[in-house]
Each structure stands twice: as structure tokens, then as C-alpha cells.
Amino acid sequence: MNAKATNTAQLVEFLRTELSPYYPEKEGNAIIFRLFEGILSYEQTDIVLNAESTVSKADQEKFENAVQLLKKKTPVQYILGYTDFYNVRINVDKRALIPRPETEELVDWIVKESGDQALRILDVGTGSGCIAIALKKHLQNAQVMGVDVSDDCIDLAKENAEANQVDVNFRVQDIVDRDGSAKLVQPETLDIIVSNPPYIQYKDRYQMDENILSYEPAKALFVDDENPLLFYKLISLLGSVALKKDGQLYFEINEKYGDEVVDVLKKAGYVDVEQRKDIHDRNRFVRGIKE
């Protein structure tokens, strides 16, 4: 590290200089703020208020190590080992997809619709456990289960549940295995099923950032080009059996297939099917109600 970058202001300038060839200005600044939060527990205002404060050599080394990883396009969340999701801290690593801000909107929709009811909720494709844990944290009367095909994901989800001191039942289950899925829960016992399944087609890989393709698990991202609605169909069928009357099925979706997912739910017998946009005005969520 530049020997002159010993205080906060100098460190910020060093980071901007080092990262500018690799990241657009807005993204680079966001990364810098995340590094200060993760390494020094600084909020953005603290960076200004402590501009002249000396940064210890040990912390300077942490920033330098982070810069080297960032130049290789390592996601900052993996560097820090965590991300914040709907007011819950979720530990992340290469075992699972990094939780996205858009998915917080899906959780928020469910929380605001649910109140303090004693609901039974299933999260399909739980990954890091972020959806299930956030729901349990905010809906304390709910019973929440999360399933995933990956043993590694379930291990991580259990670690996150323990770290957040919530009781969520996580288990390995492949939703494509219809026999196994049928045994997952008893008929008409669930109030809510939620899923953010793989929905990116392999043919769209070229549109994606290097830090996603090189570091995040492909199995959590991609679906077969010839069957992009596979998981929506399977989970809709599961819900048609497992959900109670008036039970709700929530999906995060590929914006290209919003109308198609709506059709999947309607054909599976769901009513009052609703499509919602995210904060970027993209079709991102669908909900259906079981008759």
C-alpha cells in the first residue's frame, strides 16, 4: 500500500485510484463504503468525520488484501464474508449465491401480508438461508422450513440460522425429485411457499459480470435453455398439493418470463395471480393463491 495512505482520507483516495480501472465510479464507491463498514465498522458519515484518523497497519493490510482480491473480481461480500439482508446478517461464501437487494423486496411483500399469524412457510432453493431466516426473524410465530439440493448450501443455511439465533428447519431436497418432494410435507399443511429458483438461461451468460460467473455457484443461477420455467412448474405443482386453501405461492422471476410464470400458476389452478415490479421497474415477482 502507498506509504502515505495512513489516515482515512488518504486511504479512500488510494482505494479509488486502485479500483477505478476495474469498476465504474458508482460501483467502486459502493465497494469502498462496504470495505470501511466491514473492516473498521464505519458508516458513510464516519468516513468524513474520521478523515484525519490514523488507520492501523493491520487494518491497512486488510484493505490492501481486499484490493488485490477485488482486482480479480472477487465479490466484496465474499471478501468480507457476509452481507446484510432485510436487517439480518447473512454469512456468505462460494457455497451459495449472494443474496440480492431485489430479493429483500420479496421478503418484504410476504412480511407485510402476513402480520403475526402462526404460519407454516416453506422456502424452496434456500441457498444461504437468507429468505427463510429473514422471514423467521420478522414473523416469529411462523414455522419455517428451507430446502435445497445442495448439502453445502444447507450447511451454510444452518450456520446462518445459528448465528442469527432463529429456529428454521433446513434439509436437503431436490425439487426435481417428485417422489421425494411429495414426501416433504403433508398435503394442505402449508400457508406459504416462497422460492427464488435458478432462472437465468445459459445462453444469457455473456451478459453477466465476471464476478458472478467466476465466483458464484452456477447451479444456483442457471436453468436449461430449453426449459426455463422448469422450477416454476415443479414448485407450482408442489404447492397445489401442499398448500392449504387460500395458501400463497411467491416467486422471484426472470423479468423476461413474467407473463409465462403467471400462466404457469393459472394453469396449476391458482387464482388472483399478481405480478409485481422491483425498485428498478422490472417484472420481478409473482404471487398466486390456491383455491
C-alpha atoms as a PDB file:
ATOM      1  CA  MET A   1       0.000   0.000   0.000  1.00  0.00           C
ATOM      2  CA  ASN A   2       1.045   3.586  -0.619  1.00  0.00           C
ATOM      3  CA  ALA A   3       3.083   4.511   2.434  1.00  0.00           C
ATOM      4  CA  LYS A   4       1.335   7.891   2.523  1.00  0.00           C
ATOM      5  CA  ALA A   5      -2.124   6.335   2.867  1.00  0.00           C
ATOM      6  CA  THR A   6      -2.096   6.232   6.655  1.00  0.00           C
ATOM      7  CA  ASN A   7      -5.311   8.090   7.520  1.00  0.00           C
ATOM      8  CA  THR A   8      -8.896   7.601   6.422  1.00  0.00           C
ATOM      9  CA  ALA A   9      -8.955  10.303   3.738  1.00  0.00           C
ATOM     10  CA  GLN A  10      -5.710   9.094   2.197  1.00  0.00           C
ATOM     11  CA  LEU A  11      -6.960   5.517   2.282  1.00  0.00           C
ATOM     12  CA  VAL A  12     -10.145   6.471   0.444  1.00  0.00           C
ATOM     13  CA  GLU A  13      -8.102   8.159  -2.267  1.00  0.00           C
ATOM     14  CA  PHE A  14      -5.809   5.132  -2.518  1.00  0.00           C
ATOM     15  CA  LEU A  15      -8.787   2.795  -2.907  1.00  0.00           C
ATOM     16  CA  ARG A  16     -10.395   4.967  -5.577  1.00  0.00           C
ATOM     17  CA  THR A  17      -7.160   5.097  -7.544  1.00  0.00           C
ATOM     18  CA  GLU A  18      -6.602   1.345  -7.329  1.00  0.00           C
ATOM     19  CA  LEU A  19     -10.170   0.319  -8.148  1.00  0.00           C
ATOM     20  CA  SER A  20     -11.023   2.863 -10.838  1.00  0.00           C
ATOM     21  CA  PRO A  21      -9.536   0.800 -13.711  1.00  0.00           C
ATOM     22  CA  TYR A  22     -11.685  -2.168 -12.667  1.00  0.00           C
ATOM     23  CA  TYR A  23     -15.043  -0.730 -11.563  1.00  0.00           C
ATOM     24  CA  PRO A  24     -17.297   2.161 -12.628  1.00  0.00           C
ATOM     25  CA  GLU A  25     -17.183   5.093 -10.217  1.00  0.00           C
ATOM     26  CA  LYS A  26     -20.550   4.425  -8.583  1.00  0.00           C
ATOM     27  CA  GLU A  27     -19.850   0.735  -8.040  1.00  0.00           C
ATOM     28  CA  GLY A  28     -16.318   1.474  -6.850  1.00  0.00           C
ATOM     29  CA  ASN A  29     -17.569   3.940  -4.247  1.00  0.00           C
ATOM     30  CA  ALA A  30     -20.151   1.440  -3.024  1.00  0.00           C
ATOM     31  CA  ILE A  31     -17.400  -1.167  -2.630  1.00  0.00           C
ATOM     32  CA  ILE A  32     -15.239   1.293  -0.699  1.00  0.00           C
ATOM     33  CA  PHE A  33     -18.088   2.039   1.693  1.00  0.00           C
ATOM     34  CA  ARG A  34     -18.614  -1.706   2.187  1.00  0.00           C
ATOM     35  CA  LEU A  35     -14.927  -2.201   2.975  1.00  0.00           C
ATOM     36  CA  PHE A  36     -14.945   0.552   5.576  1.00  0.00           C
ATOM     37  CA  GLU A  37     -18.062  -0.931   7.121  1.00  0.00           C
ATOM     38  CA  GLY A  38     -16.635  -4.437   7.200  1.00  0.00           C
ATOM     39  CA  ILE A  39     -13.082  -3.630   8.297  1.00  0.00           C
ATOM     40  CA  LEU A  40     -13.488  -0.564  10.503  1.00  0.00           C
ATOM     41  CA  SER A  41     -17.244  -0.716  11.332  1.00  0.00           C
ATOM     42  CA  TYR A  42     -17.592   2.743   9.770  1.00  0.00           C
ATOM     43  CA  GLU A  43     -20.816   4.155   8.402  1.00  0.00           C
ATOM     44  CA  GLN A  44     -20.510   6.590   5.500  1.00  0.00           C
ATOM     45  CA  THR A  45     -20.643   9.604   7.804  1.00  0.00           C
ATOM     46  CA  ASP A  46     -17.816   8.151   9.894  1.00  0.00           C
ATOM     47  CA  ILE A  47     -15.537   8.230   6.862  1.00  0.00           C
ATOM     48  CA  VAL A  48     -15.962  12.007   6.724  1.00  0.00           C
ATOM     49  CA  LEU A  49     -15.881  12.582  10.474  1.00  0.00           C
ATOM     50  CA  ASN A  50     -12.728  10.493  10.845  1.00  0.00           C
ATOM     51  CA  ALA A  51     -10.961  11.745   7.729  1.00  0.00           C
ATOM     52  CA  GLU A  52      -7.767  12.547   9.621  1.00  0.00           C
ATOM     53  CA  SER A  53      -7.822   9.490  11.878  1.00  0.00           C
ATOM     54  CA  THR A  54      -4.873   7.142  11.544  1.00  0.00           C
ATOM     55  CA  VAL A  55      -5.591   3.676  10.204  1.00  0.00           C
ATOM     56  CA  SER A  56      -3.581   0.941  11.913  1.00  0.00           C
ATOM     57  CA  LYS A  57      -1.064  -1.032   9.899  1.00  0.00           C
ATOM     58  CA  ALA A  58      -3.059  -4.199  10.496  1.00  0.00           C
ATOM     59  CA  ASP A  59      -6.177  -2.606   9.016  1.00  0.00           C
ATOM     60  CA  GLN A  60      -4.166  -1.103   6.159  1.00  0.00           C
ATOM     61  CA  GLU A  61      -3.097  -4.650   5.282  1.00  0.00           C
ATOM     62  CA  LYS A  62      -6.730  -5.801   5.311  1.00  0.00           C
ATOM     63  CA  PHE A  63      -7.624  -3.073   2.828  1.00  0.00           C
ATOM     64  CA  GLU A  64      -4.630  -3.937   0.664  1.00  0.00           C
ATOM     65  CA  ASN A  65      -5.554  -7.632   0.633  1.00  0.00           C
ATOM     66  CA  ALA A  66      -9.127  -6.722  -0.274  1.00  0.00           C
ATOM     67  CA  VAL A  67      -7.924  -4.560  -3.170  1.00  0.00           C
ATOM     68  CA  GLN A  68      -5.905  -7.432  -4.611  1.00  0.00           C
ATOM     69  CA  LEU A  69      -8.955  -9.713  -4.477  1.00  0.00           C
ATOM     70  CA  LEU A  70     -11.196  -7.025  -5.942  1.00  0.00           C
ATOM     71  CA  LYS A  71      -8.846  -6.670  -8.891  1.00  0.00           C
ATOM     72  CA  LYS A  72      -9.542 -10.342  -9.556  1.00  0.00           C
ATOM     73  CA  LYS A  73     -13.276  -9.521  -9.461  1.00  0.00           C
ATOM     74  CA  THR A  74     -13.889 -11.348  -6.196  1.00  0.00           C
ATOM     75  CA  PRO A  75     -17.277 -10.141  -4.867  1.00  0.00           C
ATOM     76  CA  VAL A  76     -16.822  -7.806  -1.917  1.00  0.00           C
ATOM     77  CA  GLN A  77     -19.380  -9.865   0.032  1.00  0.00           C
ATOM     78  CA  TYR A  78     -17.141 -12.928  -0.234  1.00  0.00           C
ATOM     79  CA  ILE A  79     -14.115 -10.866   0.810  1.00  0.00           C
ATOM     80  CA  LEU A  80     -15.887  -9.625   3.945  1.00  0.00           C
ATOM     81  CA  GLY A  81     -17.644 -12.941   4.498  1.00  0.00           C
ATOM     82  CA  TYR A  82     -21.109 -11.515   4.961  1.00  0.00           C
ATOM     83  CA  THR A  83     -23.873  -9.342   3.597  1.00  0.00           C
ATOM     84  CA  ASP A  84     -26.834  -7.666   5.265  1.00  0.00           C
ATOM     85  CA  PHE A  85     -30.223  -8.851   4.061  1.00  0.00           C
ATOM     86  CA  TYR A  86     -33.524  -7.432   5.301  1.00  0.00           C
ATOM     87  CA  ASN A  87     -31.910  -6.362   8.594  1.00  0.00           C
ATOM     88  CA  VAL A  88     -30.321  -9.785   9.045  1.00  0.00           C
ATOM     89  CA  ARG A  89     -26.599 -10.503   8.734  1.00  0.00           C
ATOM     90  CA  ILE A  90     -26.010 -13.446   6.412  1.00  0.00           C
ATOM     91  CA  ASN A  91     -22.618 -15.126   6.161  1.00  0.00           C
ATOM     92  CA  VAL A  92     -21.718 -15.851   2.543  1.00  0.00           C
ATOM     93  CA  ASP A  93     -19.092 -17.799   0.657  1.00  0.00           C
ATOM     94  CA  LYS A  94     -18.813 -19.787  -2.562  1.00  0.00           C
ATOM     95  CA  ARG A  95     -21.231 -22.410  -1.290  1.00  0.00           C
ATOM     96  CA  ALA A  96     -24.243 -20.227  -2.082  1.00  0.00           C
ATOM     97  CA  LEU A  97     -25.490 -17.330  -4.150  1.00  0.00           C
ATOM     98  CA  ILE A  98     -25.024 -13.858  -2.671  1.00  0.00           C
ATOM     99  CA  PRO A  99     -28.415 -12.500  -1.527  1.00  0.00           C
ATOM    100  CA  ARG A 100     -29.646  -9.661  -3.743  1.00  0.00           C
ATOM    101  CA  PRO A 101     -31.447  -6.451  -2.695  1.00  0.00           C
ATOM    102  CA  GLU A 102     -34.338  -7.325  -5.011  1.00  0.00           C
ATOM    103  CA  THR A 103     -34.991 -10.468  -3.005  1.00  0.00           C
ATOM    104  CA  GLU A 104     -35.441  -8.301   0.079  1.00  0.00           C
ATOM    105  CA  GLU A 105     -38.478  -6.860  -1.692  1.00  0.00           C
ATOM    106  CA  LEU A 106     -39.947 -10.357  -1.989  1.00  0.00           C
ATOM    107  CA  VAL A 107     -39.438 -10.922   1.741  1.00  0.00           C
ATOM    108  CA  ASP A 108     -40.951  -7.527   2.483  1.00  0.00           C
ATOM    109  CA  TRP A 109     -44.064  -8.405   0.465  1.00  0.00           C
ATOM    110  CA  ILE A 110     -44.563 -11.587   2.484  1.00  0.00           C
ATOM    111  CA  VAL A 111     -43.880  -9.937   5.849  1.00  0.00           C
ATOM    112  CA  LYS A 112     -46.326  -7.110   5.217  1.00  0.00           C
ATOM    113  CA  GLU A 113     -49.029  -9.549   4.092  1.00  0.00           C
ATOM    114  CA  SER A 114     -48.553 -11.937   6.992  1.00  0.00           C
ATOM    115  CA  GLY A 115     -48.756  -9.964  10.242  1.00  0.00           C
ATOM    116  CA  ASP A 116     -48.240 -12.060  13.381  1.00  0.00           C
ATOM    117  CA  GLN A 117     -50.089 -15.164  12.219  1.00  0.00           C
ATOM    118  CA  ALA A 118     -48.843 -18.627  13.140  1.00  0.00           C
ATOM    119  CA  LEU A 119     -47.987 -19.574   9.558  1.00  0.00           C
ATOM    120  CA  ARG A 120     -46.217 -22.615   8.134  1.00  0.00           C
ATOM    121  CA  ILE A 121     -43.750 -21.486   5.454  1.00  0.00           C
ATOM    122  CA  LEU A 122     -41.536 -23.412   3.020  1.00  0.00           C
ATOM    123  CA  ASP A 123     -38.596 -21.785   1.215  1.00  0.00           C
ATOM    124  CA  VAL A 124     -37.592 -23.843  -1.847  1.00  0.00           C
ATOM    125  CA  GLY A 125     -33.987 -23.411  -3.039  1.00  0.00           C
ATOM    126  CA  THR A 126     -32.966 -21.747   0.201  1.00  0.00           C
ATOM    127  CA  GLY A 127     -29.254 -21.269  -0.632  1.00  0.00           C
ATOM    128  CA  SER A 128     -27.673 -19.282   2.197  1.00  0.00           C
ATOM    129  CA  GLY A 129     -30.983 -19.427   4.049  1.00  0.00           C
ATOM    130  CA  CYS A 130     -31.468 -15.673   3.717  1.00  0.00           C
ATOM    131  CA  ILE A 131     -35.199 -15.746   2.852  1.00  0.00           C
ATOM    132  CA  ALA A 132     -36.124 -18.353   5.449  1.00  0.00           C
ATOM    133  CA  ILE A 133     -34.071 -16.713   8.206  1.00  0.00           C
ATOM    134  CA  ALA A 134     -35.335 -13.207   7.449  1.00  0.00           C
ATOM    135  CA  LEU A 135     -38.929 -14.459   7.462  1.00  0.00           C
ATOM    136  CA  LYS A 136     -38.478 -16.251  10.780  1.00  0.00           C
ATOM    137  CA  LYS A 137     -36.766 -13.199  12.267  1.00  0.00           C
ATOM    138  CA  HIS A 138     -39.694 -10.952  11.344  1.00  0.00           C
ATOM    139  CA  LEU A 139     -42.542 -13.476  11.645  1.00  0.00           C
ATOM    140  CA  GLN A 140     -41.690 -15.001  14.994  1.00  0.00           C
ATOM    141  CA  ASN A 141     -44.905 -17.019  15.252  1.00  0.00           C
ATOM    142  CA  ALA A 142     -44.215 -18.765  11.945  1.00  0.00           C
ATOM    143  CA  GLN A 143     -42.786 -22.243  11.474  1.00  0.00           C
ATOM    144  CA  VAL A 144     -40.244 -22.011   8.652  1.00  0.00           C
ATOM    145  CA  MET A 145     -38.569 -24.754   6.627  1.00  0.00           C
ATOM    146  CA  GLY A 146     -35.910 -24.305   3.945  1.00  0.00           C
ATOM    147  CA  VAL A 147     -34.835 -26.912   1.393  1.00  0.00           C
ATOM    148  CA  ASP A 148     -32.050 -27.051  -1.179  1.00  0.00           C
ATOM    149  CA  VAL A 149     -30.500 -29.668  -3.440  1.00  0.00           C
ATOM    150  CA  SER A 150     -27.015 -28.719  -2.188  1.00  0.00           C
ATOM    151  CA  ASP A 151     -25.588 -30.168   1.030  1.00  0.00           C
ATOM    152  CA  ASP A 152     -23.148 -27.250   1.139  1.00  0.00           C
ATOM    153  CA  CYS A 153     -25.981 -24.722   0.976  1.00  0.00           C
ATOM    154  CA  ILE A 154     -27.871 -26.445   3.769  1.00  0.00           C
ATOM    155  CA  ASP A 155     -24.729 -26.457   5.934  1.00  0.00           C
ATOM    156  CA  LEU A 156     -24.315 -22.716   5.333  1.00  0.00           C
ATOM    157  CA  ALA A 157     -28.004 -22.032   5.974  1.00  0.00           C
ATOM    158  CA  LYS A 158     -27.801 -23.877   9.304  1.00  0.00           C
ATOM    159  CA  GLU A 159     -24.737 -21.832  10.257  1.00  0.00           C
ATOM    160  CA  ASN A 160     -26.621 -18.638   9.453  1.00  0.00           C
ATOM    161  CA  ALA A 161     -29.683 -19.707  11.432  1.00  0.00           C
ATOM    162  CA  GLU A 162     -27.494 -20.432  14.439  1.00  0.00           C
ATOM    163  CA  ALA A 163     -25.664 -17.106  14.080  1.00  0.00           C
ATOM    164  CA  ASN A 164     -28.996 -15.268  13.965  1.00  0.00           C
ATOM    165  CA  GLN A 165     -30.487 -17.352  16.791  1.00  0.00           C
ATOM    166  CA  VAL A 166     -33.569 -18.447  14.862  1.00  0.00           C
ATOM    167  CA  ASP A 167     -35.197 -21.856  14.643  1.00  0.00           C
ATOM    168  CA  VAL A 168     -35.520 -22.826  10.992  1.00  0.00           C
ATOM    169  CA  ASN A 169     -35.741 -26.428   9.794  1.00  0.00           C
ATOM    170  CA  PHE A 170     -33.257 -26.832   6.925  1.00  0.00           C
ATOM    171  CA  ARG A 171     -32.964 -30.055   4.955  1.00  0.00           C
ATOM    172  CA  VAL A 172     -31.570 -31.359   1.659  1.00  0.00           C
ATOM    173  CA  GLN A 173     -34.204 -31.985  -1.002  1.00  0.00           C
ATOM    174  CA  ASP A 174     -34.103 -31.946  -4.799  1.00  0.00           C
ATOM    175  CA  ILE A 175     -37.343 -30.391  -6.028  1.00  0.00           C
ATOM    176  CA  VAL A 176     -36.876 -32.218  -9.347  1.00  0.00           C
ATOM    177  CA  ASP A 177     -37.257 -35.499  -7.441  1.00  0.00           C
ATOM    178  CA  ARG A 178     -41.049 -35.567  -7.429  1.00  0.00           C
ATOM    179  CA  ASP A 179     -41.320 -38.602  -5.177  1.00  0.00           C
ATOM    180  CA  GLY A 180     -39.045 -37.030  -2.584  1.00  0.00           C
ATOM    181  CA  SER A 181     -40.786 -33.671  -2.837  1.00  0.00           C
ATOM    182  CA  ALA A 182     -44.169 -35.322  -2.364  1.00  0.00           C
ATOM    183  CA  LYS A 183     -42.944 -36.659   0.982  1.00  0.00           C
ATOM    184  CA  LEU A 184     -41.536 -33.288   2.039  1.00  0.00           C
ATOM    185  CA  VAL A 185     -44.737 -32.055   3.702  1.00  0.00           C
ATOM    186  CA  GLN A 186     -48.218 -33.401   4.277  1.00  0.00           C
ATOM    187  CA  PRO A 187     -50.992 -32.286   1.888  1.00  0.00           C
ATOM    188  CA  GLU A 188     -52.668 -28.980   2.665  1.00  0.00           C
ATOM    189  CA  THR A 189     -50.429 -28.113   5.632  1.00  0.00           C
ATOM    190  CA  LEU A 190     -48.556 -25.045   4.345  1.00  0.00           C
ATOM    191  CA  ASP A 191     -49.686 -21.432   4.359  1.00  0.00           C
ATOM    192  CA  ILE A 192     -46.877 -20.065   2.172  1.00  0.00           C
ATOM    193  CA  ILE A 193     -44.336 -21.413  -0.281  1.00  0.00           C
ATOM    194  CA  VAL A 194     -41.656 -18.993  -1.469  1.00  0.00           C
ATOM    195  CA  SER A 195     -38.888 -19.574  -3.971  1.00  0.00           C
ATOM    196  CA  ASN A 196     -36.162 -17.690  -5.786  1.00  0.00           C
ATOM    197  CA  PRO A 197     -35.176 -20.549  -8.106  1.00  0.00           C
ATOM    198  CA  PRO A 198     -32.490 -20.593 -10.814  1.00  0.00           C
ATOM    199  CA  TYR A 199     -33.953 -18.598 -13.702  1.00  0.00           C
ATOM    200  CA  ILE A 200     -31.106 -17.392 -15.927  1.00  0.00           C
ATOM    201  CA  GLN A 201     -30.678 -19.258 -19.199  1.00  0.00           C
ATOM    202  CA  TYR A 202     -27.184 -20.419 -20.130  1.00  0.00           C
ATOM    203  CA  LYS A 203     -27.418 -18.513 -23.397  1.00  0.00           C
ATOM    204  CA  ASP A 204     -27.516 -15.269 -21.387  1.00  0.00           C
ATOM    205  CA  ARG A 205     -24.169 -15.910 -19.673  1.00  0.00           C
ATOM    206  CA  TYR A 206     -22.412 -13.425 -21.939  1.00  0.00           C
ATOM    207  CA  GLN A 207     -24.492 -10.608 -20.447  1.00  0.00           C
ATOM    208  CA  MET A 208     -23.329 -11.308 -16.894  1.00  0.00           C
ATOM    209  CA  ASP A 209     -20.485  -9.793 -14.887  1.00  0.00           C
ATOM    210  CA  GLU A 210     -17.250 -11.701 -14.431  1.00  0.00           C
ATOM    211  CA  ASN A 211     -17.518 -11.555 -10.634  1.00  0.00           C
ATOM    212  CA  ILE A 212     -20.784 -13.531 -10.816  1.00  0.00           C
ATOM    213  CA  LEU A 213     -19.689 -16.113 -13.373  1.00  0.00           C
ATOM    214  CA  SER A 214     -16.291 -16.771 -11.794  1.00  0.00           C
ATOM    215  CA  TYR A 215     -17.309 -16.994  -8.153  1.00  0.00           C
ATOM    216  CA  GLU A 216     -20.997 -17.738  -7.562  1.00  0.00           C
ATOM    217  CA  PRO A 217     -22.332 -21.304  -7.936  1.00  0.00           C
ATOM    218  CA  ALA A 218     -23.693 -21.888 -11.435  1.00  0.00           C
ATOM    219  CA  LYS A 219     -26.261 -24.359 -10.185  1.00  0.00           C
ATOM    220  CA  ALA A 220     -27.959 -21.571  -8.234  1.00  0.00           C
ATOM    221  CA  LEU A 221     -28.044 -19.256 -11.247  1.00  0.00           C
ATOM    222  CA  PHE A 222     -28.804 -21.182 -14.415  1.00  0.00           C
ATOM    223  CA  VAL A 223     -31.679 -23.171 -15.821  1.00  0.00           C
ATOM    224  CA  ASP A 224     -31.826 -25.240 -19.007  1.00  0.00           C
ATOM    225  CA  ASP A 225     -32.235 -23.041 -22.097  1.00  0.00           C
ATOM    226  CA  GLU A 226     -34.926 -25.394 -23.392  1.00  0.00           C
ATOM    227  CA  ASN A 227     -36.955 -25.404 -20.167  1.00  0.00           C
ATOM    228  CA  PRO A 228     -36.608 -22.019 -18.423  1.00  0.00           C
ATOM    229  CA  LEU A 229     -39.867 -22.444 -16.482  1.00  0.00           C
ATOM    230  CA  LEU A 230     -38.943 -25.861 -15.079  1.00  0.00           C
ATOM    231  CA  PHE A 231     -38.708 -24.896 -11.420  1.00  0.00           C
ATOM    232  CA  TYR A 232     -41.796 -22.691 -11.511  1.00  0.00           C
ATOM    233  CA  LYS A 233     -43.817 -25.608 -12.876  1.00  0.00           C
ATOM    234  CA  LEU A 234     -42.473 -28.089 -10.325  1.00  0.00           C
ATOM    235  CA  ILE A 235     -42.941 -25.786  -7.349  1.00  0.00           C
ATOM    236  CA  SER A 236     -46.418 -24.779  -8.520  1.00  0.00           C
ATOM    237  CA  LEU A 237     -47.354 -28.465  -8.617  1.00  0.00           C
ATOM    238  CA  LEU A 238     -45.906 -28.977  -5.142  1.00  0.00           C
ATOM    239  CA  GLY A 239     -47.932 -26.024  -3.902  1.00  0.00           C
ATOM    240  CA  SER A 240     -51.139 -27.323  -5.442  1.00  0.00           C
ATOM    241  CA  VAL A 241     -50.835 -30.291  -3.083  1.00  0.00           C
ATOM    242  CA  ALA A 242     -49.032 -28.906  -0.035  1.00  0.00           C
ATOM    243  CA  LEU A 243     -50.724 -25.510   0.370  1.00  0.00           C
ATOM    244  CA  LYS A 244     -53.886 -25.059   2.379  1.00  0.00           C
ATOM    245  CA  LYS A 245     -56.905 -23.444   0.791  1.00  0.00           C
ATOM    246  CA  ASP A 246     -56.060 -19.749   0.304  1.00  0.00           C
ATOM    247  CA  GLY A 247     -52.388 -20.593   0.764  1.00  0.00           C
ATOM    248  CA  GLN A 248     -49.970 -18.371  -1.137  1.00  0.00           C
ATOM    249  CA  LEU A 249     -47.154 -19.124  -3.556  1.00  0.00           C
ATOM    250  CA  TYR A 250     -44.497 -16.421  -4.053  1.00  0.00           C
ATOM    251  CA  PHE A 251     -41.808 -16.417  -6.743  1.00  0.00           C
ATOM    252  CA  GLU A 252     -38.885 -14.254  -7.752  1.00  0.00           C
ATOM    253  CA  ILE A 253     -38.726 -14.406 -11.543  1.00  0.00           C
ATOM    254  CA  ASN A 254     -36.719 -13.634 -14.652  1.00  0.00           C
ATOM    255  CA  GLU A 255     -38.215 -10.391 -15.930  1.00  0.00           C
ATOM    256  CA  LYS A 256     -38.371 -11.884 -19.446  1.00  0.00           C
ATOM    257  CA  TYR A 257     -40.820 -14.546 -18.341  1.00  0.00           C
ATOM    258  CA  GLY A 258     -43.232 -12.722 -16.063  1.00  0.00           C
ATOM    259  CA  ASP A 259     -46.321 -13.399 -18.164  1.00  0.00           C
ATOM    260  CA  GLU A 260     -45.272 -17.014 -18.707  1.00  0.00           C
ATOM    261  CA  VAL A 261     -44.899 -17.606 -14.951  1.00  0.00           C
ATOM    262  CA  VAL A 262     -48.328 -16.061 -14.402  1.00  0.00           C
ATOM    263  CA  ASP A 263     -49.709 -18.555 -16.948  1.00  0.00           C
ATOM    264  CA  VAL A 264     -47.965 -21.437 -15.164  1.00  0.00           C
ATOM    265  CA  LEU A 265     -49.708 -20.532 -11.910  1.00  0.00           C
ATOM    266  CA  LYS A 266     -53.096 -20.062 -13.526  1.00  0.00           C
ATOM    267  CA  LYS A 267     -52.862 -23.423 -15.317  1.00  0.00           C
ATOM    268  CA  ALA A 268     -51.934 -25.046 -11.992  1.00  0.00           C
ATOM    269  CA  GLY A 269     -55.163 -23.718 -10.506  1.00  0.00           C
ATOM    270  CA  TYR A 270     -54.001 -20.625  -8.643  1.00  0.00           C
ATOM    271  CA  VAL A 271     -56.220 -17.540  -8.553  1.00  0.00           C
ATOM    272  CA  ASP A 272     -55.694 -13.798  -8.062  1.00  0.00           C
ATOM    273  CA  VAL A 273     -52.274 -14.208  -9.649  1.00  0.00           C
ATOM    274  CA  GLU A 274     -50.349 -10.948  -9.317  1.00  0.00           C
ATOM    275  CA  GLN A 275     -47.136  -9.760 -10.936  1.00  0.00           C
ATOM    276  CA  ARG A 276     -45.046  -7.028  -9.278  1.00  0.00           C
ATOM    277  CA  LYS A 277     -42.109  -4.888 -10.329  1.00  0.00           C
ATOM    278  CA  ASP A 278     -38.948  -4.318  -8.318  1.00  0.00           C
ATOM    279  CA  ILE A 279     -37.382  -0.978  -7.412  1.00  0.00           C
ATOM    280  CA  HIS A 280     -35.819  -0.868 -10.880  1.00  0.00           C
ATOM    281  CA  ASP A 281     -39.264  -1.132 -12.518  1.00  0.00           C
ATOM    282  CA  ARG A 282     -38.606  -4.661 -13.776  1.00  0.00           C
ATOM    283  CA  ASN A 283     -41.082  -7.518 -13.566  1.00  0.00           C
ATOM    284  CA  ARG A 284     -39.551  -9.476 -10.713  1.00  0.00           C
ATOM    285  CA  PHE A 285     -42.164 -11.167  -8.502  1.00  0.00           C
ATOM    286  CA  VAL A 286     -45.323 -13.234  -8.884  1.00  0.00           C
ATOM    287  CA  ARG A 287     -47.835 -14.391  -6.288  1.00  0.00           C
ATOM    288  CA  GLY A 288     -50.722 -16.804  -6.665  1.00  0.00           C
ATOM    289  CA  ILE A 289     -53.377 -18.027  -4.208  1.00  0.00           C
ATOM    290  CA  LYS A 290     -54.568 -21.610  -4.026  1.00  0.00           C
ATOM    291  CA  GLU A 291     -58.318 -22.006  -4.356  1.00  0.00           C
END
